[in-house]
Amino acid sequence: MKTKDKRIDLTSDIIKGIKAIKYFGWENVFTKKILNLRTQEFSSLSKIKYLDVFCLILWTVTSITIVTSTFITFSLIKHNIQQTNAFTVILKFLLFVLNFI
């Protein structure tokens, strides 16, 4: 957001002083400044989005891993998984996960 604020401030300053910029021929200088700030802003936003994707994948994989490990442990201990037990466990895990969303 800091980079976005800098870019917006620079853009508004350019708009306010457009006559002087045109008069002295500084268009290329200010264009480079704005493009540099846009590049920094895009870099920051892309890092945040990659972190969001990583967290989403981790959240999904964690819930699947917990359910799978629970069924494996249950089958190793009792050697018998019935449909009612399996659906009950899946429902409990879904309710548990939905409480945190």
PDB file of N, CA and C in Angstrom:
ATOM      1  N   MET A   1       0.821  -1.195   0.000  1.00  0.00           N
ATOM      2  CA  MET A   1       0.000   0.000   0.000  1.00  0.00           C
ATOM      3  C   MET A   1       0.868   1.263   0.000  1.00  0.00           C
ATOM      4  N   LYS A   2       2.040   1.175   0.618  1.00  0.00           N
ATOM      5  CA  LYS A   2       2.922   2.347   0.618  1.00  0.00           C
ATOM      6  C   LYS A   2       3.348   2.698  -0.805  1.00  0.00           C
ATOM      7  N   THR A   3       3.673   1.682  -1.584  1.00  0.00           N
ATOM      8  CA  THR A   3       4.082   1.913  -2.967  1.00  0.00           C
ATOM      9  C   THR A   3       2.921   2.468  -3.775  1.00  0.00           C
ATOM     10  N   LYS A   4       1.734   1.958  -3.535  1.00  0.00           N
ATOM     11  CA  LYS A   4       0.549   2.455  -4.243  1.00  0.00           C
ATOM     12  C   LYS A   4       0.301   3.914  -3.885  1.00  0.00           C
ATOM     13  N   ASP A   5       0.459   4.263  -2.600  1.00  0.00           N
ATOM     14  CA  ASP A   5       0.279   5.650  -2.187  1.00  0.00           C
ATOM     15  C   ASP A   5       1.305   6.571  -2.851  1.00  0.00           C
ATOM     16  N   LYS A   6       2.558   6.103  -2.939  1.00  0.00           N
ATOM     17  CA  LYS A   6       3.586   6.910  -3.609  1.00  0.00           C
ATOM     18  C   LYS A   6       3.239   7.127  -5.079  1.00  0.00           C
ATOM     19  N   ARG A   7       2.778   6.063  -5.743  1.00  0.00           N
ATOM     20  CA  ARG A   7       2.426   6.166  -7.157  1.00  0.00           C
ATOM     21  C   ARG A   7       1.252   7.113  -7.360  1.00  0.00           C
ATOM     22  N   ILE A   8       0.246   7.024  -6.507  1.00  0.00           N
ATOM     23  CA  ILE A   8      -0.922   7.896  -6.632  1.00  0.00           C
ATOM     24  C   ILE A   8      -0.531   9.350  -6.357  1.00  0.00           C
ATOM     25  N   ASP A   9       0.324   9.578  -5.341  1.00  0.00           N
ATOM     26  CA  ASP A   9       0.780  10.938  -5.060  1.00  0.00           C
ATOM     27  C   ASP A   9       1.560  11.514  -6.233  1.00  0.00           C
ATOM     28  N   LEU A  10       2.448  10.711  -6.814  1.00  0.00           N
ATOM     29  CA  LEU A  10       3.225  11.183  -7.965  1.00  0.00           C
ATOM     30  C   LEU A  10       2.326  11.473  -9.156  1.00  0.00           C
ATOM     31  N   THR A  11       1.346  10.620  -9.376  1.00  0.00           N
ATOM     32  CA  THR A  11       0.422  10.833 -10.491  1.00  0.00           C
ATOM     33  C   THR A  11      -0.389  12.109 -10.296  1.00  0.00           C
ATOM     34  N   SER A  12      -0.865  12.341  -9.082  1.00  0.00           N
ATOM     35  CA  SER A  12      -1.634  13.566  -8.838  1.00  0.00           C
ATOM     36  C   SER A  12      -0.741  14.800  -8.951  1.00  0.00           C
ATOM     37  N   ASP A  13       0.521  14.713  -8.515  1.00  0.00           N
ATOM     38  CA  ASP A  13       1.448  15.833  -8.695  1.00  0.00           C
ATOM     39  C   ASP A  13       1.711  16.110 -10.168  1.00  0.00           C
ATOM     40  N   ILE A  14       1.818  15.063 -10.965  1.00  0.00           N
ATOM     41  CA  ILE A  14       2.028  15.231 -12.404  1.00  0.00           C
ATOM     42  C   ILE A  14       0.827  15.909 -13.043  1.00  0.00           C
ATOM     43  N   ILE A  15      -0.348  15.483 -12.634  1.00  0.00           N
ATOM     44  CA  ILE A  15      -1.557  16.085 -13.211  1.00  0.00           C
ATOM     45  C   ILE A  15      -1.647  17.567 -12.831  1.00  0.00           C
ATOM     46  N   LYS A  16      -1.275  17.889 -11.582  1.00  0.00           N
ATOM     47  CA  LYS A  16      -1.316  19.289 -11.150  1.00  0.00           C
ATOM     48  C   LYS A  16      -0.300  20.142 -11.904  1.00  0.00           C
ATOM     49  N   GLY A  17       0.881  19.578 -12.168  1.00  0.00           N
ATOM     50  CA  GLY A  17       1.931  20.354 -12.813  1.00  0.00           C
ATOM     51  C   GLY A  17       2.167  19.986 -14.258  1.00  0.00           C
ATOM     52  N   ILE A  18       1.124  19.576 -14.954  1.00  0.00           N
ATOM     53  CA  ILE A  18       1.284  19.088 -16.327  1.00  0.00           C
ATOM     54  C   ILE A  18       1.801  20.177 -17.269  1.00  0.00           C
ATOM     55  N   LYS A  19       1.432  21.441 -17.013  1.00  0.00           N
ATOM     56  CA  LYS A  19       1.908  22.524 -17.885  1.00  0.00           C
ATOM     57  C   LYS A  19       3.423  22.669 -17.801  1.00  0.00           C
ATOM     58  N   ALA A  20       3.955  22.642 -16.588  1.00  0.00           N
ATOM     59  CA  ALA A  20       5.404  22.789 -16.409  1.00  0.00           C
ATOM     60  C   ALA A  20       6.139  21.582 -16.975  1.00  0.00           C
ATOM     61  N   ILE A  21       5.593  20.404 -16.794  1.00  0.00           N
ATOM     62  CA  ILE A  21       6.232  19.187 -17.307  1.00  0.00           C
ATOM     63  C   ILE A  21       6.276  19.224 -18.826  1.00  0.00           C
ATOM     64  N   LYS A  22       5.198  19.638 -19.448  1.00  0.00           N
ATOM     65  CA  LYS A  22       5.171  19.740 -20.913  1.00  0.00           C
ATOM     66  C   LYS A  22       6.109  20.849 -21.400  1.00  0.00           C
ATOM     67  N   TYR A  23       6.133  21.942 -20.659  1.00  0.00           N
ATOM     68  CA  TYR A  23       6.954  23.082 -21.064  1.00  0.00           C
ATOM     69  C   TYR A  23       8.445  22.730 -21.051  1.00  0.00           C
ATOM     70  N   PHE A  24       8.894  22.034 -20.003  1.00  0.00           N
ATOM     71  CA  PHE A  24      10.315  21.700 -19.885  1.00  0.00           C
ATOM     72  C   PHE A  24      10.673  20.362 -20.542  1.00  0.00           C
ATOM     73  N   GLY A  25       9.688  19.619 -21.028  1.00  0.00           N
ATOM     74  CA  GLY A  25       9.953  18.357 -21.720  1.00  0.00           C
ATOM     75  C   GLY A  25      10.369  17.226 -20.789  1.00  0.00           C
ATOM     76  N   TRP A  26       9.748  17.176 -19.603  1.00  0.00           N
ATOM     77  CA  TRP A  26      10.101  16.165 -18.607  1.00  0.00           C
ATOM     78  C   TRP A  26       9.182  14.942 -18.663  1.00  0.00           C
ATOM     79  N   GLU A  27       8.495  14.735 -19.756  1.00  0.00           N
ATOM     80  CA  GLU A  27       7.544  13.617 -19.831  1.00  0.00           C
ATOM     81  C   GLU A  27       8.232  12.275 -19.607  1.00  0.00           C
ATOM     82  N   ASN A  28       9.381  12.074 -20.240  1.00  0.00           N
ATOM     83  CA  ASN A  28      10.091  10.788 -20.117  1.00  0.00           C
ATOM     84  C   ASN A  28      10.571  10.535 -18.691  1.00  0.00           C
ATOM     85  N   VAL A  29      11.014  11.583 -18.016  1.00  0.00           N
ATOM     86  CA  VAL A  29      11.502  11.431 -16.633  1.00  0.00           C
ATOM     87  C   VAL A  29      10.372  10.959 -15.723  1.00  0.00           C
ATOM     88  N   PHE A  30       9.233  11.620 -15.820  1.00  0.00           N
ATOM     89  CA  PHE A  30       8.117  11.262 -14.944  1.00  0.00           C
ATOM     90  C   PHE A  30       7.464   9.940 -15.357  1.00  0.00           C
ATOM     91  N   THR A  31       7.504   9.626 -16.636  1.00  0.00           N
ATOM     92  CA  THR A  31       6.997   8.328 -17.081  1.00  0.00           C
ATOM     93  C   THR A  31       7.824   7.202 -16.485  1.00  0.00           C
ATOM     94  N   LYS A  32       9.144   7.370 -16.478  1.00  0.00           N
ATOM     95  CA  LYS A  32      10.025   6.355 -15.883  1.00  0.00           C
ATOM     96  C   LYS A  32       9.773   6.216 -14.396  1.00  0.00           C
ATOM     97  N   LYS A  33       9.546   7.341 -13.700  1.00  0.00           N
ATOM     98  CA  LYS A  33       9.280   7.280 -12.258  1.00  0.00           C
ATOM     99  C   LYS A  33       7.981   6.515 -11.976  1.00  0.00           C
ATOM    100  N   ILE A  34       6.948   6.814 -12.745  1.00  0.00           N
ATOM    101  CA  ILE A  34       5.654   6.140 -12.536  1.00  0.00           C
ATOM    102  C   ILE A  34       5.774   4.652 -12.864  1.00  0.00           C
ATOM    103  N   LEU A  35       6.448   4.327 -13.957  1.00  0.00           N
ATOM    104  CA  LEU A  35       6.610   2.912 -14.324  1.00  0.00           C
ATOM    105  C   LEU A  35       7.436   2.156 -13.288  1.00  0.00           C
ATOM    106  N   ASN A  36       8.430   2.801 -12.712  1.00  0.00           N
ATOM    107  CA  ASN A  36       9.230   2.173 -11.655  1.00  0.00           C
ATOM    108  C   ASN A  36       8.355   1.874 -10.433  1.00  0.00           C
ATOM    109  N   LEU A  37       7.525   2.842 -10.033  1.00  0.00           N
ATOM    110  CA  LEU A  37       6.638   2.620  -8.892  1.00  0.00           C
ATOM    111  C   LEU A  37       5.592   1.547  -9.199  1.00  0.00           C
ATOM    112  N   ARG A  38       5.104   1.506 -10.437  1.00  0.00           N
ATOM    113  CA  ARG A  38       4.139   0.461 -10.812  1.00  0.00           C
ATOM    114  C   ARG A  38       4.773  -0.919 -10.771  1.00  0.00           C
ATOM    115  N   THR A  39       6.044  -1.007 -11.188  1.00  0.00           N
ATOM    116  CA  THR A  39       6.755  -2.281 -11.137  1.00  0.00           C
ATOM    117  C   THR A  39       6.925  -2.745  -9.692  1.00  0.00           C
ATOM    118  N   GLN A  40       7.281  -1.825  -8.808  1.00  0.00           N
ATOM    119  CA  GLN A  40       7.424  -2.173  -7.384  1.00  0.00           C
ATOM    120  C   GLN A  40       6.083  -2.602  -6.797  1.00  0.00           C
ATOM    121  N   GLU A  41       5.026  -1.896  -7.167  1.00  0.00           N
ATOM    122  CA  GLU A  41       3.694  -2.234  -6.669  1.00  0.00           C
ATOM    123  C   GLU A  41       3.268  -3.620  -7.147  1.00  0.00           C
ATOM    124  N   PHE A  42       3.505  -3.908  -8.414  1.00  0.00           N
ATOM    125  CA  PHE A  42       3.154  -5.219  -8.953  1.00  0.00           C
ATOM    126  C   PHE A  42       3.961  -6.320  -8.277  1.00  0.00           C
ATOM    127  N   SER A  43       5.222  -6.066  -8.004  1.00  0.00           N
ATOM    128  CA  SER A  43       6.054  -7.052  -7.324  1.00  0.00           C
ATOM    129  C   SER A  43       5.505  -7.362  -5.932  1.00  0.00           C
ATOM    130  N   SER A  44       5.123  -6.339  -5.206  1.00  0.00           N
ATOM    131  CA  SER A  44       4.557  -6.533  -3.865  1.00  0.00           C
ATOM    132  C   SER A  44       3.248  -7.304  -3.927  1.00  0.00           C
ATOM    133  N   LEU A  45       2.388  -6.934  -4.880  1.00  0.00           N
ATOM    134  CA  LEU A  45       1.098  -7.621  -5.004  1.00  0.00           C
ATOM    135  C   LEU A  45       1.265  -9.079  -5.411  1.00  0.00           C
ATOM    136  N   SER A  46       2.223  -9.346  -6.282  1.00  0.00           N
ATOM    137  CA  SER A  46       2.426 -10.737  -6.697  1.00  0.00           C
ATOM    138  C   SER A  46       2.954 -11.588  -5.545  1.00  0.00           C
ATOM    139  N   LYS A  47       3.823 -11.021  -4.715  1.00  0.00           N
ATOM    140  CA  LYS A  47       4.304 -11.762  -3.540  1.00  0.00           C
ATOM    141  C   LYS A  47       3.156 -12.097  -2.598  1.00  0.00           C
ATOM    142  N   ILE A  48       2.259 -11.147  -2.393  1.00  0.00           N
ATOM    143  CA  ILE A  48       1.109 -11.373  -1.512  1.00  0.00           C
ATOM    144  C   ILE A  48       0.201 -12.450  -2.089  1.00  0.00           C
ATOM    145  N   LYS A  49      -0.033 -12.416  -3.383  1.00  0.00           N
ATOM    146  CA  LYS A  49      -0.911 -13.416  -4.005  1.00  0.00           C
ATOM    147  C   LYS A  49      -0.291 -14.808  -3.967  1.00  0.00           C
ATOM    148  N   TYR A  50       1.023 -14.904  -4.175  1.00  0.00           N
ATOM    149  CA  TYR A  50       1.679 -16.207  -4.063  1.00  0.00           C
ATOM    150  C   TYR A  50       1.565 -16.748  -2.644  1.00  0.00           C
ATOM    151  N   LEU A  51       1.685 -15.884  -1.651  1.00  0.00           N
ATOM    152  CA  LEU A  51       1.518 -16.308  -0.262  1.00  0.00           C
ATOM    153  C   LEU A  51       0.081 -16.767  -0.005  1.00  0.00           C
ATOM    154  N   ASP A  52      -0.895 -16.077  -0.584  1.00  0.00           N
ATOM    155  CA  ASP A  52      -2.298 -16.492  -0.454  1.00  0.00           C
ATOM    156  C   ASP A  52      -2.528 -17.878  -1.049  1.00  0.00           C
ATOM    157  N   VAL A  53      -1.962 -18.124  -2.218  1.00  0.00           N
ATOM    158  CA  VAL A  53      -2.111 -19.432  -2.870  1.00  0.00           C
ATOM    159  C   VAL A  53      -1.454 -20.518  -2.023  1.00  0.00           C
ATOM    160  N   PHE A  54      -0.267 -20.234  -1.497  1.00  0.00           N
ATOM    161  CA  PHE A  54       0.418 -21.209  -0.649  1.00  0.00           C
ATOM    162  C   PHE A  54      -0.413 -21.536   0.589  1.00  0.00           C
ATOM    163  N   CYS A  55      -0.993 -20.524   1.219  1.00  0.00           N
ATOM    164  CA  CYS A  55      -1.822 -20.765   2.408  1.00  0.00           C
ATOM    165  C   CYS A  55      -3.073 -21.569   2.068  1.00  0.00           C
ATOM    166  N   LEU A  56      -3.670 -21.291   0.926  1.00  0.00           N
ATOM    167  CA  LEU A  56      -4.854 -22.044   0.506  1.00  0.00           C
ATOM    168  C   LEU A  56      -4.517 -23.507   0.248  1.00  0.00           C
ATOM    169  N   ILE A  57      -3.408 -23.758  -0.427  1.00  0.00           N
ATOM    170  CA  ILE A  57      -2.985 -25.135  -0.690  1.00  0.00           C
ATOM    171  C   ILE A  57      -2.663 -25.844   0.620  1.00  0.00           C
ATOM    172  N   LEU A  58      -1.966 -25.165   1.512  1.00  0.00           N
ATOM    173  CA  LEU A  58      -1.623 -25.760   2.801  1.00  0.00           C
ATOM    174  C   LEU A  58      -2.882 -26.095   3.597  1.00  0.00           C
ATOM    175  N   TRP A  59      -3.860 -25.197   3.580  1.00  0.00           N
ATOM    176  CA  TRP A  59      -5.114 -25.435   4.301  1.00  0.00           C
ATOM    177  C   TRP A  59      -5.845 -26.656   3.734  1.00  0.00           C
ATOM    178  N   THR A  60      -5.891 -26.772   2.430  1.00  0.00           N
ATOM    179  CA  THR A  60      -6.578 -27.897   1.797  1.00  0.00           C
ATOM    180  C   THR A  60      -5.857 -29.207   2.058  1.00  0.00           C
ATOM    181  N   VAL A  61      -4.557 -29.214   1.889  1.00  0.00           N
ATOM    182  CA  VAL A  61      -3.773 -30.433   2.075  1.00  0.00           C
ATOM    183  C   VAL A  61      -3.807 -30.879   3.535  1.00  0.00           C
ATOM    184  N   THR A  62      -3.796 -29.938   4.454  1.00  0.00           N
ATOM    185  CA  THR A  62      -3.815 -30.285   5.878  1.00  0.00           C
ATOM    186  C   THR A  62      -5.100 -31.010   6.248  1.00  0.00           C
ATOM    187  N   SER A  63      -6.242 -30.513   5.805  1.00  0.00           N
ATOM    188  CA  SER A  63      -7.504 -31.170   6.159  1.00  0.00           C
ATOM    189  C   SER A  63      -7.596 -32.564   5.537  1.00  0.00           C
ATOM    190  N   ILE A  64      -7.137 -32.708   4.297  1.00  0.00           N
ATOM    191  CA  ILE A  64      -7.158 -34.027   3.656  1.00  0.00           C
ATOM    192  C   ILE A  64      -6.197 -34.978   4.368  1.00  0.00           C
ATOM    193  N   THR A  65      -5.045 -34.488   4.757  1.00  0.00           N
ATOM    194  CA  THR A  65      -4.060 -35.314   5.456  1.00  0.00           C
ATOM    195  C   THR A  65      -4.586 -35.771   6.817  1.00  0.00           C
ATOM    196  N   ILE A  66      -5.262 -34.899   7.522  1.00  0.00           N
ATOM    197  CA  ILE A  66      -5.808 -35.265   8.839  1.00  0.00           C
ATOM    198  C   ILE A  66      -6.867 -36.352   8.693  1.00  0.00           C
ATOM    199  N   VAL A  67      -7.768 -36.193   7.749  1.00  0.00           N
ATOM    200  CA  VAL A  67      -8.817 -37.207   7.558  1.00  0.00           C
ATOM    201  C   VAL A  67      -8.200 -38.535   7.141  1.00  0.00           C
ATOM    202  N   THR A  68      -7.259 -38.497   6.209  1.00  0.00           N
ATOM    203  CA  THR A  68      -6.622 -39.730   5.739  1.00  0.00           C
ATOM    204  C   THR A  68      -5.853 -40.417   6.854  1.00  0.00           C
ATOM    205  N   SER A  69      -5.088 -39.653   7.612  1.00  0.00           N
ATOM    206  CA  SER A  69      -4.316 -40.270   8.704  1.00  0.00           C
ATOM    207  C   SER A  69      -5.227 -40.827   9.795  1.00  0.00           C
ATOM    208  N   THR A  70      -6.366 -40.184  10.008  1.00  0.00           N
ATOM    209  CA  THR A  70      -7.318 -40.708  10.990  1.00  0.00           C
ATOM    210  C   THR A  70      -7.893 -42.042  10.531  1.00  0.00           C
ATOM    211  N   PHE A  71      -8.279 -42.146   9.264  1.00  0.00           N
ATOM    212  CA  PHE A  71      -8.799 -43.414   8.752  1.00  0.00           C
ATOM    213  C   PHE A  71      -7.734 -44.504   8.769  1.00  0.00           C
ATOM    214  N   ILE A  72      -6.508 -44.169   8.438  1.00  0.00           N
ATOM    215  CA  ILE A  72      -5.435 -45.169   8.459  1.00  0.00           C
ATOM    216  C   ILE A  72      -5.184 -45.654   9.879  1.00  0.00           C
ATOM    217  N   THR A  73      -5.124 -44.710  10.813  1.00  0.00           N
ATOM    218  CA  THR A  73      -4.919 -45.094  12.211  1.00  0.00           C
ATOM    219  C   THR A  73      -6.077 -45.942  12.722  1.00  0.00           C
ATOM    220  N   PHE A  74      -7.293 -45.540  12.397  1.00  0.00           N
ATOM    221  CA  PHE A  74      -8.460 -46.296  12.825  1.00  0.00           C
ATOM    222  C   PHE A  74      -8.452 -47.710  12.254  1.00  0.00           C
ATOM    223  N   SER A  75      -8.074 -47.829  11.001  1.00  0.00           N
ATOM    224  CA  SER A  75      -8.060 -49.164  10.387  1.00  0.00           C
ATOM    225  C   SER A  75      -6.934 -50.023  10.949  1.00  0.00           C
ATOM    226  N   LEU A  76      -5.825 -49.411  11.333  1.00  0.00           N
ATOM    227  CA  LEU A  76      -4.729 -50.183  11.928  1.00  0.00           C
ATOM    228  C   LEU A  76      -5.071 -50.651  13.338  1.00  0.00           C
ATOM    229  N   ILE A  77      -5.835 -49.880  14.062  1.00  0.00           N
ATOM    230  CA  ILE A  77      -6.173 -50.251  15.438  1.00  0.00           C
ATOM    231  C   ILE A  77      -7.341 -51.230  15.468  1.00  0.00           C
ATOM    232  N   LYS A  78      -8.447 -50.919  14.796  1.00  0.00           N
ATOM    233  CA  LYS A  78      -9.646 -51.736  14.890  1.00  0.00           C
ATOM    234  C   LYS A  78      -9.821 -52.713  13.735  1.00  0.00           C
ATOM    235  N   HIS A  79      -9.166 -52.515  12.646  1.00  0.00           N
ATOM    236  CA  HIS A  79      -9.233 -53.382  11.469  1.00  0.00           C
ATOM    237  C   HIS A  79     -10.619 -53.461  10.844  1.00  0.00           C
ATOM    238  N   ASN A  80     -11.513 -52.533  11.177  1.00  0.00           N
ATOM    239  CA  ASN A  80     -12.856 -52.607  10.629  1.00  0.00           C
ATOM    240  C   ASN A  80     -13.430 -51.183  10.518  1.00  0.00           C
ATOM    241  N   ILE A  81     -13.629 -50.724   9.301  1.00  0.00           N
ATOM    242  CA  ILE A  81     -14.234 -49.418   9.100  1.00  0.00           C
ATOM    243  C   ILE A  81     -15.610 -49.641   8.479  1.00  0.00           C
ATOM    244  N   GLN A  82     -16.637 -49.217   9.196  1.00  0.00           N
ATOM    245  CA  GLN A  82     -17.995 -49.322   8.685  1.00  0.00           C
ATOM    246  C   GLN A  82     -18.397 -47.984   8.055  1.00  0.00           C
ATOM    247  N   GLN A  83     -19.402 -48.036   7.201  1.00  0.00           N
ATOM    248  CA  GLN A  83     -19.836 -46.817   6.516  1.00  0.00           C
ATOM    249  C   GLN A  83     -20.327 -45.758   7.491  1.00  0.00           C
ATOM    250  N   THR A  84     -21.043 -46.168   8.498  1.00  0.00           N
ATOM    251  CA  THR A  84     -21.568 -45.187   9.458  1.00  0.00           C
ATOM    252  C   THR A  84     -20.428 -44.485  10.184  1.00  0.00           C
ATOM    253  N   ASN A  85     -19.398 -45.246  10.555  1.00  0.00           N
ATOM    254  CA  ASN A  85     -18.245 -44.626  11.222  1.00  0.00           C
ATOM    255  C   ASN A  85     -17.508 -43.669  10.279  1.00  0.00           C
ATOM    256  N   ALA A  86     -17.337 -44.083   9.049  1.00  0.00           N
ATOM    257  CA  ALA A  86     -16.605 -43.252   8.087  1.00  0.00           C
ATOM    258  C   ALA A  86     -17.355 -41.948   7.821  1.00  0.00           C
ATOM    259  N   PHE A  87     -18.653 -42.012   7.573  1.00  0.00           N
ATOM    260  CA  PHE A  87     -19.414 -40.797   7.298  1.00  0.00           C
ATOM    261  C   PHE A  87     -19.489 -39.890   8.521  1.00  0.00           C
ATOM    262  N   THR A  88     -19.573 -40.473   9.705  1.00  0.00           N
ATOM    263  CA  THR A  88     -19.598 -39.676  10.928  1.00  0.00           C
ATOM    264  C   THR A  88     -18.286 -38.921  11.109  1.00  0.00           C
ATOM    265  N   VAL A  89     -17.182 -39.591  10.869  1.00  0.00           N
ATOM    266  CA  VAL A  89     -15.868 -38.956  11.015  1.00  0.00           C
ATOM    267  C   VAL A  89     -15.697 -37.842   9.986  1.00  0.00           C
ATOM    268  N   ILE A  90     -16.099 -38.095   8.750  1.00  0.00           N
ATOM    269  CA  ILE A  90     -15.983 -37.061   7.708  1.00  0.00           C
ATOM    270  C   ILE A  90     -16.842 -35.852   8.066  1.00  0.00           C
ATOM    271  N   LEU A  91     -18.057 -36.082   8.554  1.00  0.00           N
ATOM    272  CA  LEU A  91     -18.935 -34.992   8.948  1.00  0.00           C
ATOM    273  C   LEU A  91     -18.332 -34.190  10.093  1.00  0.00           C
ATOM    274  N   LYS A  92     -17.776 -34.861  11.076  1.00  0.00           N
ATOM    275  CA  LYS A  92     -17.150 -34.165  12.213  1.00  0.00           C
ATOM    276  C   LYS A  92     -15.981 -33.307  11.745  1.00  0.00           C
ATOM    277  N   PHE A  93     -15.161 -33.831  10.850  1.00  0.00           N
ATOM    278  CA  PHE A  93     -14.043 -33.048  10.347  1.00  0.00           C
ATOM    279  C   PHE A  93     -14.517 -31.851   9.527  1.00  0.00           C
ATOM    280  N   LEU A  94     -15.552 -32.040   8.726  1.00  0.00           N
ATOM    281  CA  LEU A  94     -16.085 -30.922   7.953  1.00  0.00           C
ATOM    282  C   LEU A  94     -16.642 -29.834   8.866  1.00  0.00           C
ATOM    283  N   LEU A  95     -17.355 -30.218   9.884  1.00  0.00           N
ATOM    284  CA  LEU A  95     -17.867 -29.226  10.830  1.00  0.00           C
ATOM    285  C   LEU A  95     -16.748 -28.531  11.575  1.00  0.00           C
ATOM    286  N   PHE A  96     -15.699 -29.275  11.917  1.00  0.00           N
ATOM    287  CA  PHE A  96     -14.543 -28.704  12.583  1.00  0.00           C
ATOM    288  C   PHE A  96     -13.849 -27.667  11.692  1.00  0.00           C
ATOM    289  N   VAL A  97     -13.662 -28.024  10.422  1.00  0.00           N
ATOM    290  CA  VAL A  97     -12.999 -27.117   9.494  1.00  0.00           C
ATOM    291  C   VAL A  97     -13.858 -25.888   9.211  1.00  0.00           C
ATOM    292  N   LEU A  98     -15.170 -26.065   9.072  1.00  0.00           N
ATOM    293  CA  LEU A  98     -16.050 -24.947   8.786  1.00  0.00           C
ATOM    294  C   LEU A  98     -16.133 -23.969   9.941  1.00  0.00           C
ATOM    295  N   ASN A  99     -15.874 -24.405  11.156  1.00  0.00           N
ATOM    296  CA  ASN A  99     -15.869 -23.491  12.304  1.00  0.00           C
ATOM    297  C   ASN A  99     -14.710 -22.515  12.224  1.00  0.00           C
ATOM    298  N   PHE A 100     -13.642 -22.858  11.545  1.00  0.00           N
ATOM    299  CA  PHE A 100     -12.476 -21.988  11.459  1.00  0.00           C
ATOM    300  C   PHE A 100     -12.509 -21.080  10.241  1.00  0.00           C
ATOM    301  N   ILE A 101     -13.471 -21.257   9.366  1.00  0.00           N
ATOM    302  CA  ILE A 101     -13.538 -20.401   8.170  1.00  0.00           C
ATOM    303  C   ILE A 101     -14.315 -19.153   8.453  1.00  0.00           C
TER     304      ILE A 101
END
